[in-house]
């Protein structure tokens, strides 16, 4: 009997069916690990241009990324600084007055979440990589690749994911 044939006996399964079932269970475990952490924080971080420390709430860019509703107000993002919205999967910066940029919050070195925006850079405290608030380019390694840009939309004084 080949793998494609189904046995006529009750309870008989092919090797293909068993492997597909095992794969489905494995995928479910992986997806559950990447799930949403609702209630893990307020989702409203303080601007981080003035000091160290992680900001934002939730996981490091994994879940809770709906584009419905504003992330923050433009007045909450300091000129020359920014804020990390880890639970929404974005870092928002304001390099120049009225110019807002969005970046992926995951460091390109080893996948750690960036922790703050300070001194004109987006900072990963895992291995001290620093990225430009203007274009996400590497200002200090060990990271060698820039942070990926994220599309954001500014409407009035509200900033949302685009």
N, C-alpha and C. Protein backbone atom coordinates (compact mmCIF):
# COMPACT_ATOMS: atom_id res chain seq x y z
N UNK A 1 0.86 -1.17 0.00
CA UNK A 1 0.00 0.00 0.00
C UNK A 1 0.90 1.23 0.00
N UNK A 2 0.58 2.22 -0.83
CA UNK A 2 1.38 3.44 -0.88
C UNK A 2 0.87 4.45 0.14
N UNK A 3 1.63 5.55 0.35
CA UNK A 3 1.23 6.61 1.28
C UNK A 3 -0.07 7.27 0.85
N UNK A 4 -0.36 7.27 -0.45
CA UNK A 4 -1.56 7.94 -0.94
C UNK A 4 -2.82 7.12 -0.74
N UNK A 5 -2.66 5.83 -0.54
CA UNK A 5 -3.82 4.98 -0.37
C UNK A 5 -4.29 5.01 1.07
N UNK A 6 -5.56 4.96 1.24
CA UNK A 6 -6.15 4.96 2.58
C UNK A 6 -6.58 3.55 2.89
N UNK A 7 -6.20 3.08 4.06
CA UNK A 7 -6.59 1.73 4.46
C UNK A 7 -8.09 1.64 4.71
N UNK A 8 -8.65 0.46 4.50
CA UNK A 8 -10.08 0.25 4.71
C UNK A 8 -10.39 -0.10 6.14
N UNK A 9 -9.37 -0.40 6.92
CA UNK A 9 -9.61 -0.79 8.29
C UNK A 9 -9.82 0.44 9.16
N UNK A 10 -10.72 0.36 10.14
CA UNK A 10 -10.92 1.50 11.03
C UNK A 10 -9.63 1.79 11.81
N UNK A 11 -9.32 3.08 11.95
CA UNK A 11 -8.14 3.48 12.71
C UNK A 11 -6.84 3.39 11.94
N UNK A 12 -6.85 2.98 10.68
CA UNK A 12 -5.64 2.90 9.88
C UNK A 12 -5.32 4.28 9.32
N UNK A 13 -4.06 4.72 9.52
CA UNK A 13 -3.65 6.03 9.01
C UNK A 13 -2.38 5.86 8.20
N UNK A 14 -2.25 6.70 7.19
CA UNK A 14 -1.03 6.65 6.39
C UNK A 14 0.06 7.46 7.06
N UNK A 15 1.25 7.21 6.66
CA UNK A 15 2.39 7.96 7.17
C UNK A 15 2.23 9.44 6.85
N UNK A 16 1.72 9.76 5.66
CA UNK A 16 1.51 11.15 5.26
C UNK A 16 0.52 11.84 6.20
N UNK A 17 -0.57 11.17 6.57
CA UNK A 17 -1.56 11.76 7.47
C UNK A 17 -0.95 12.00 8.84
N UNK A 18 -0.14 11.07 9.33
CA UNK A 18 0.50 11.25 10.62
C UNK A 18 1.47 12.42 10.61
N UNK A 19 2.26 12.53 9.54
CA UNK A 19 3.22 13.64 9.44
C UNK A 19 2.49 14.98 9.31
N UNK A 20 1.40 15.02 8.56
CA UNK A 20 0.64 16.26 8.42
C UNK A 20 0.06 16.67 9.77
N UNK A 21 -0.44 15.70 10.52
CA UNK A 21 -0.99 16.00 11.85
C UNK A 21 0.09 16.52 12.79
N UNK A 22 1.27 15.90 12.75
CA UNK A 22 2.36 16.35 13.61
C UNK A 22 2.80 17.76 13.22
N UNK A 23 2.82 18.04 11.92
CA UNK A 23 3.18 19.39 11.47
C UNK A 23 2.17 20.43 11.92
N UNK A 24 0.89 20.08 11.88
CA UNK A 24 -0.16 21.00 12.32
C UNK A 24 -0.03 21.31 13.80
N UNK A 25 0.28 20.29 14.60
CA UNK A 25 0.47 20.51 16.04
C UNK A 25 1.67 21.42 16.28
N UNK A 26 2.76 21.17 15.56
CA UNK A 26 3.95 22.02 15.71
C UNK A 26 3.66 23.46 15.33
N UNK A 27 2.92 23.67 14.24
CA UNK A 27 2.58 25.03 13.82
C UNK A 27 1.71 25.71 14.87
N UNK A 28 0.79 24.97 15.46
CA UNK A 28 -0.07 25.56 16.49
C UNK A 28 0.74 25.99 17.71
N UNK A 29 1.75 25.21 18.08
CA UNK A 29 2.60 25.57 19.21
C UNK A 29 3.38 26.84 18.91
N UNK A 30 3.94 26.94 17.70
CA UNK A 30 4.70 28.13 17.32
C UNK A 30 3.80 29.35 17.30
N UNK A 31 2.62 29.24 16.73
CA UNK A 31 1.70 30.37 16.68
C UNK A 31 1.23 30.78 18.06
N UNK A 32 1.03 29.84 18.94
CA UNK A 32 0.62 30.18 20.31
C UNK A 32 1.73 30.95 21.02
N UNK A 33 2.97 30.59 20.75
CA UNK A 33 4.09 31.29 21.38
C UNK A 33 4.22 32.72 20.87
N UNK A 34 3.73 32.99 19.65
CA UNK A 34 3.79 34.33 19.07
C UNK A 34 2.51 35.10 19.33
N UNK A 35 1.65 34.62 20.17
CA UNK A 35 0.34 35.22 20.38
C UNK A 35 0.38 36.55 21.07
N UNK A 36 -0.79 37.12 21.20
CA UNK A 36 -0.99 38.45 21.77
C UNK A 36 -0.95 38.39 23.29
N UNK A 37 -0.31 39.37 23.90
CA UNK A 37 -0.24 39.48 25.35
C UNK A 37 -1.15 40.60 25.82
N UNK A 38 -2.44 40.43 25.63
CA UNK A 38 -3.35 41.50 26.03
C UNK A 38 -3.25 41.74 27.52
N UNK A 39 -3.37 43.00 27.88
CA UNK A 39 -3.32 43.36 29.29
C UNK A 39 -1.91 43.43 29.83
N UNK A 40 -0.91 43.40 28.96
CA UNK A 40 0.46 43.40 29.46
C UNK A 40 1.00 44.80 29.65
N UNK A 41 0.21 45.81 29.39
CA UNK A 41 0.66 47.17 29.61
C UNK A 41 -0.29 48.17 29.00
N UNK A 42 0.01 49.43 29.18
CA UNK A 42 -0.89 50.47 28.73
C UNK A 42 -0.79 50.73 27.24
N UNK A 43 0.36 50.42 26.61
CA UNK A 43 0.54 50.70 25.21
C UNK A 43 0.85 52.16 24.93
N UNK A 44 1.00 52.96 25.96
CA UNK A 44 1.30 54.38 25.80
C UNK A 44 2.62 54.68 26.48
N UNK A 45 3.75 54.54 25.76
CA UNK A 45 5.04 54.76 26.39
C UNK A 45 5.34 56.24 26.51
N UNK A 46 6.22 56.53 27.43
CA UNK A 46 6.71 57.90 27.57
C UNK A 46 7.79 58.12 26.54
N UNK A 47 7.95 59.33 26.04
CA UNK A 47 9.06 59.60 25.13
C UNK A 47 10.38 59.26 25.82
N UNK A 48 11.36 58.81 25.02
CA UNK A 48 12.58 58.31 25.63
C UNK A 48 13.81 59.10 25.27
N UNK A 49 13.67 60.34 24.84
CA UNK A 49 14.88 61.06 24.47
C UNK A 49 15.64 61.56 25.68
N UNK A 50 15.05 61.46 26.86
CA UNK A 50 15.71 62.02 28.03
C UNK A 50 16.38 61.02 28.93
N UNK A 51 16.24 59.73 28.73
CA UNK A 51 16.87 58.82 29.67
C UNK A 51 16.80 57.39 29.22
N UNK A 52 17.46 56.51 29.98
CA UNK A 52 17.53 55.10 29.62
C UNK A 52 16.28 54.35 30.03
N UNK A 53 16.26 53.11 29.61
CA UNK A 53 15.18 52.23 30.04
C UNK A 53 14.27 51.85 28.90
N UNK A 54 13.69 50.68 29.03
CA UNK A 54 12.76 50.22 28.01
C UNK A 54 11.45 50.95 28.16
N UNK A 55 10.82 51.17 27.03
CA UNK A 55 9.52 51.82 27.05
C UNK A 55 8.55 50.95 26.29
N UNK A 56 7.31 51.34 26.31
CA UNK A 56 6.30 50.59 25.60
C UNK A 56 5.83 49.44 26.46
N UNK A 57 4.96 48.67 25.89
CA UNK A 57 4.38 47.57 26.64
C UNK A 57 4.22 46.38 25.72
N UNK A 58 4.06 45.23 26.30
CA UNK A 58 3.77 44.05 25.53
C UNK A 58 5.04 43.41 25.02
N UNK A 59 4.87 42.62 23.95
CA UNK A 59 6.00 41.89 23.44
C UNK A 59 6.83 42.76 22.52
N UNK A 60 7.95 42.25 22.12
CA UNK A 60 8.92 43.03 21.35
C UNK A 60 8.56 43.02 19.87
N UNK A 61 7.45 43.62 19.54
CA UNK A 61 7.08 43.75 18.15
C UNK A 61 6.31 42.59 17.60
N UNK A 62 5.84 41.69 18.43
CA UNK A 62 5.14 40.51 17.95
C UNK A 62 3.67 40.69 17.74
N UNK A 63 2.91 40.92 18.77
CA UNK A 63 1.46 40.92 18.63
C UNK A 63 0.84 42.28 18.79
N UNK A 64 -0.46 42.29 18.75
CA UNK A 64 -1.26 43.47 19.03
C UNK A 64 -0.96 44.61 18.07
N UNK A 65 -0.79 44.29 16.78
CA UNK A 65 -0.40 45.31 15.81
C UNK A 65 -1.56 45.78 14.97
N UNK A 66 -2.67 46.13 15.54
CA UNK A 66 -3.76 46.63 14.71
C UNK A 66 -3.48 48.07 14.34
N UNK A 67 -3.88 48.44 13.12
CA UNK A 67 -3.64 49.81 12.67
C UNK A 67 -4.85 50.69 12.94
N UNK A 68 -5.82 50.16 13.66
CA UNK A 68 -7.00 50.92 13.99
C UNK A 68 -6.71 51.77 15.22
N UNK A 69 -6.93 53.05 15.09
CA UNK A 69 -6.72 53.95 16.21
C UNK A 69 -5.31 54.50 16.24
N UNK A 70 -5.15 55.64 16.88
CA UNK A 70 -3.84 56.29 16.93
C UNK A 70 -2.87 55.57 17.86
N UNK A 71 -1.59 55.63 17.51
CA UNK A 71 -0.53 55.14 18.38
C UNK A 71 -0.23 56.16 19.45
N UNK A 72 -0.16 57.41 19.03
CA UNK A 72 0.24 58.49 19.92
C UNK A 72 -0.10 59.81 19.26
N UNK A 73 0.17 60.88 19.98
CA UNK A 73 0.01 62.22 19.43
C UNK A 73 1.38 62.77 19.03
N UNK A 74 1.38 63.66 18.07
CA UNK A 74 2.64 64.24 17.60
C UNK A 74 3.36 64.98 18.73
N UNK A 75 2.61 65.55 19.64
CA UNK A 75 3.22 66.29 20.75
C UNK A 75 3.92 65.38 21.76
N UNK A 76 3.65 64.08 21.68
CA UNK A 76 4.28 63.13 22.60
C UNK A 76 5.62 62.60 22.08
N UNK A 77 5.98 62.96 20.85
CA UNK A 77 7.26 62.52 20.27
C UNK A 77 8.19 63.73 20.25
N UNK A 78 9.24 63.74 21.07
CA UNK A 78 10.11 64.91 21.15
C UNK A 78 10.96 65.10 19.88
N UNK A 79 11.19 66.34 19.53
CA UNK A 79 12.08 66.66 18.41
C UNK A 79 13.48 66.17 18.78
N UNK A 80 14.10 65.46 17.84
CA UNK A 80 15.43 64.90 18.10
C UNK A 80 15.39 63.61 18.90
N UNK A 81 14.20 63.08 19.13
CA UNK A 81 14.04 61.86 19.92
C UNK A 81 12.98 60.97 19.32
N UNK A 82 12.33 60.20 20.19
CA UNK A 82 11.31 59.29 19.72
C UNK A 82 10.75 58.46 20.85
N UNK A 83 9.97 57.47 20.48
CA UNK A 83 9.36 56.55 21.44
C UNK A 83 9.26 55.17 20.83
N UNK A 84 9.43 54.15 21.67
CA UNK A 84 9.33 52.76 21.26
C UNK A 84 7.93 52.26 21.61
N UNK A 85 7.22 51.75 20.62
CA UNK A 85 5.90 51.14 20.81
C UNK A 85 6.04 49.66 20.48
N UNK A 86 6.68 48.93 21.38
CA UNK A 86 7.00 47.52 21.12
C UNK A 86 5.75 46.70 20.85
N UNK A 87 4.69 46.93 21.60
CA UNK A 87 3.48 46.13 21.42
C UNK A 87 2.80 46.40 20.09
N UNK A 88 3.11 47.52 19.47
CA UNK A 88 2.55 47.86 18.16
C UNK A 88 3.54 47.60 17.03
N UNK A 89 4.76 47.20 17.38
CA UNK A 89 5.76 46.85 16.38
C UNK A 89 6.34 48.03 15.64
N UNK A 90 6.56 49.15 16.36
CA UNK A 90 7.09 50.33 15.69
C UNK A 90 7.84 51.23 16.66
N UNK A 91 8.85 51.91 16.15
CA UNK A 91 9.53 53.00 16.84
C UNK A 91 9.20 54.25 16.03
N UNK A 92 8.76 55.30 16.70
CA UNK A 92 8.46 56.55 16.01
C UNK A 92 9.46 57.60 16.46
N UNK A 93 10.05 58.30 15.49
CA UNK A 93 11.01 59.35 15.80
C UNK A 93 10.57 60.66 15.15
N UNK A 94 11.14 61.76 15.64
CA UNK A 94 10.92 63.08 15.05
C UNK A 94 12.29 63.76 14.92
N UNK A 95 13.01 63.46 13.83
CA UNK A 95 14.35 64.03 13.66
C UNK A 95 14.34 65.55 13.55
N UNK A 96 13.37 66.11 12.87
CA UNK A 96 13.22 67.55 12.68
C UNK A 96 11.79 67.91 13.06
N UNK A 97 11.54 69.14 13.45
CA UNK A 97 10.17 69.53 13.80
C UNK A 97 9.17 69.20 12.68
N UNK A 98 8.15 68.44 13.03
CA UNK A 98 7.11 68.08 12.07
C UNK A 98 7.44 66.92 11.15
N UNK A 99 8.63 66.33 11.26
CA UNK A 99 9.04 65.21 10.42
C UNK A 99 9.04 63.94 11.28
N UNK A 100 8.13 63.01 10.98
CA UNK A 100 8.00 61.79 11.78
C UNK A 100 8.39 60.59 10.94
N UNK A 101 9.13 59.67 11.57
CA UNK A 101 9.61 58.47 10.90
C UNK A 101 9.22 57.24 11.73
N UNK A 102 8.99 56.12 11.05
CA UNK A 102 8.69 54.86 11.72
C UNK A 102 9.71 53.80 11.36
N UNK A 103 10.08 52.98 12.35
CA UNK A 103 11.06 51.92 12.14
C UNK A 103 10.64 50.66 12.88
N UNK A 104 11.14 49.52 12.40
CA UNK A 104 10.93 48.25 13.08
C UNK A 104 11.66 48.29 14.43
N UNK A 105 11.04 47.78 15.51
CA UNK A 105 11.68 47.86 16.82
C UNK A 105 12.61 46.69 17.15
N UNK A 106 12.95 45.88 16.16
CA UNK A 106 13.80 44.72 16.41
C UNK A 106 15.19 44.97 15.83
N UNK A 107 16.20 44.87 16.69
CA UNK A 107 17.59 45.09 16.29
C UNK A 107 17.99 44.07 15.23
N UNK A 108 18.71 44.54 14.23
CA UNK A 108 19.13 43.66 13.14
C UNK A 108 20.35 42.81 13.48
N UNK A 109 20.92 43.00 14.66
CA UNK A 109 22.09 42.22 15.05
C UNK A 109 21.69 40.80 15.45
N UNK A 110 20.93 40.67 16.54
CA UNK A 110 20.51 39.34 16.98
C UNK A 110 19.05 39.29 17.38
N UNK A 111 18.26 40.24 16.89
CA UNK A 111 16.82 40.17 17.09
C UNK A 111 16.31 40.63 18.44
N UNK A 112 17.11 41.34 19.21
CA UNK A 112 16.64 41.89 20.48
C UNK A 112 15.74 43.09 20.19
N UNK A 113 14.79 43.36 21.06
CA UNK A 113 14.00 44.58 20.88
C UNK A 113 14.84 45.80 21.26
N UNK A 114 14.67 46.87 20.49
CA UNK A 114 15.34 48.11 20.89
C UNK A 114 14.67 48.60 22.16
N UNK A 115 15.40 49.34 22.97
CA UNK A 115 14.84 49.68 24.28
C UNK A 115 14.49 51.15 24.44
N UNK A 116 15.17 52.05 23.73
CA UNK A 116 14.87 53.46 23.92
C UNK A 116 15.40 54.29 22.77
N UNK A 117 15.02 55.55 22.77
CA UNK A 117 15.53 56.53 21.82
C UNK A 117 16.15 57.63 22.67
N UNK A 118 17.46 57.84 22.48
CA UNK A 118 18.17 58.82 23.31
C UNK A 118 19.38 59.33 22.54
N UNK A 119 19.67 60.59 22.66
CA UNK A 119 20.86 61.17 22.04
C UNK A 119 20.87 61.10 20.52
N UNK A 120 19.68 61.13 19.91
CA UNK A 120 19.61 61.09 18.45
C UNK A 120 19.73 59.70 17.86
N UNK A 121 19.70 58.66 18.70
CA UNK A 121 19.78 57.30 18.18
C UNK A 121 18.71 56.41 18.83
N UNK A 122 18.35 55.37 18.08
CA UNK A 122 17.49 54.30 18.58
C UNK A 122 18.45 53.25 19.12
N UNK A 123 18.28 52.87 20.38
CA UNK A 123 19.29 52.08 21.07
C UNK A 123 18.82 50.68 21.43
N UNK A 124 19.69 49.71 21.16
CA UNK A 124 19.47 48.33 21.59
C UNK A 124 20.46 48.06 22.71
N UNK A 125 19.96 47.81 23.89
CA UNK A 125 20.85 47.61 25.02
C UNK A 125 21.36 46.17 25.15
N UNK A 126 20.90 45.26 24.28
CA UNK A 126 21.43 43.90 24.33
C UNK A 126 22.93 43.88 24.04
N UNK A 127 23.33 44.54 22.94
CA UNK A 127 24.73 44.56 22.55
C UNK A 127 25.20 45.96 22.15
N UNK A 128 24.44 46.96 22.55
CA UNK A 128 24.78 48.38 22.37
C UNK A 128 24.81 48.86 20.92
N UNK A 129 24.01 48.25 20.05
CA UNK A 129 23.88 48.80 18.70
C UNK A 129 23.05 50.07 18.78
N UNK A 130 23.37 51.01 17.89
CA UNK A 130 22.65 52.29 17.84
C UNK A 130 22.31 52.60 16.39
N UNK A 131 21.09 53.12 16.18
CA UNK A 131 20.58 53.39 14.85
C UNK A 131 20.13 54.85 14.74
N UNK A 132 20.28 55.43 13.57
CA UNK A 132 19.90 56.82 13.32
C UNK A 132 18.38 57.00 13.42
N UNK A 133 17.95 58.10 14.05
CA UNK A 133 16.52 58.41 14.11
C UNK A 133 16.02 58.98 12.78
N UNK A 134 16.94 59.32 11.88
CA UNK A 134 16.58 59.89 10.58
C UNK A 134 16.21 58.81 9.58
N UNK A 135 17.08 57.78 9.47
CA UNK A 135 16.87 56.77 8.43
C UNK A 135 17.06 55.33 8.91
N UNK A 136 17.30 55.12 10.19
CA UNK A 136 17.47 53.77 10.72
C UNK A 136 18.84 53.17 10.46
N UNK A 137 19.75 53.93 9.85
CA UNK A 137 21.07 53.39 9.54
C UNK A 137 21.86 53.13 10.83
N UNK A 138 22.82 52.22 10.72
CA UNK A 138 23.65 51.85 11.87
C UNK A 138 24.61 52.99 12.20
N UNK A 139 24.57 53.45 13.44
CA UNK A 139 25.50 54.47 13.92
C UNK A 139 26.61 53.83 14.75
N UNK A 140 26.29 52.68 15.37
CA UNK A 140 27.28 51.94 16.17
C UNK A 140 26.89 50.47 16.16
N UNK A 141 27.85 49.60 15.89
CA UNK A 141 27.61 48.16 15.85
C UNK A 141 27.57 47.55 17.23
N UNK A 142 27.36 46.28 17.24
CA UNK A 142 27.71 45.27 16.26
C UNK A 142 26.72 45.09 15.10
N UNK A 143 25.54 45.68 15.14
CA UNK A 143 24.61 45.55 14.01
C UNK A 143 25.28 46.10 12.76
N UNK A 144 25.00 45.47 11.61
CA UNK A 144 25.56 45.92 10.34
C UNK A 144 24.48 46.35 9.35
N UNK A 145 23.22 46.03 9.64
CA UNK A 145 22.11 46.39 8.75
C UNK A 145 21.21 47.40 9.44
N UNK A 146 20.61 48.32 8.69
CA UNK A 146 19.73 49.32 9.29
C UNK A 146 18.41 48.72 9.76
N UNK A 147 17.72 49.46 10.62
CA UNK A 147 16.36 49.08 11.00
C UNK A 147 15.46 49.28 9.79
N UNK A 148 14.54 48.36 9.60
CA UNK A 148 13.61 48.47 8.48
C UNK A 148 12.63 49.62 8.74
N UNK A 149 12.32 50.39 7.70
CA UNK A 149 11.33 51.46 7.88
C UNK A 149 9.93 50.87 8.05
N UNK A 150 9.08 51.59 8.77
CA UNK A 150 7.67 51.22 8.95
C UNK A 150 6.83 52.38 8.47
N UNK A 151 5.75 52.09 7.80
CA UNK A 151 4.87 53.14 7.31
C UNK A 151 3.97 53.65 8.43
N UNK A 152 4.05 54.95 8.65
CA UNK A 152 3.17 55.60 9.62
C UNK A 152 2.44 56.72 8.91
N UNK A 153 1.37 57.17 9.51
CA UNK A 153 0.54 58.23 8.93
C UNK A 153 0.27 59.27 10.00
N UNK A 154 0.48 60.53 9.65
CA UNK A 154 0.20 61.63 10.56
C UNK A 154 -1.03 62.36 10.03
N UNK A 155 -2.06 62.40 10.87
CA UNK A 155 -3.30 63.10 10.53
C UNK A 155 -3.59 64.05 11.68
N UNK A 156 -3.45 65.35 11.40
CA UNK A 156 -3.60 66.32 12.47
C UNK A 156 -2.50 66.11 13.49
N UNK A 157 -2.91 65.84 14.74
CA UNK A 157 -1.90 65.57 15.77
C UNK A 157 -1.83 64.09 16.14
N UNK A 158 -2.44 63.22 15.32
CA UNK A 158 -2.48 61.78 15.59
C UNK A 158 -1.52 61.03 14.67
N UNK A 159 -0.81 60.05 15.24
CA UNK A 159 0.08 59.19 14.47
C UNK A 159 -0.47 57.77 14.53
N UNK A 160 -0.65 57.17 13.35
CA UNK A 160 -1.15 55.79 13.26
C UNK A 160 -0.24 54.99 12.35
N UNK A 161 -0.36 53.67 12.41
CA UNK A 161 0.31 52.83 11.44
C UNK A 161 -0.43 52.98 10.12
N UNK A 162 0.32 53.06 9.03
CA UNK A 162 -0.31 53.25 7.72
C UNK A 162 -0.70 51.91 7.12
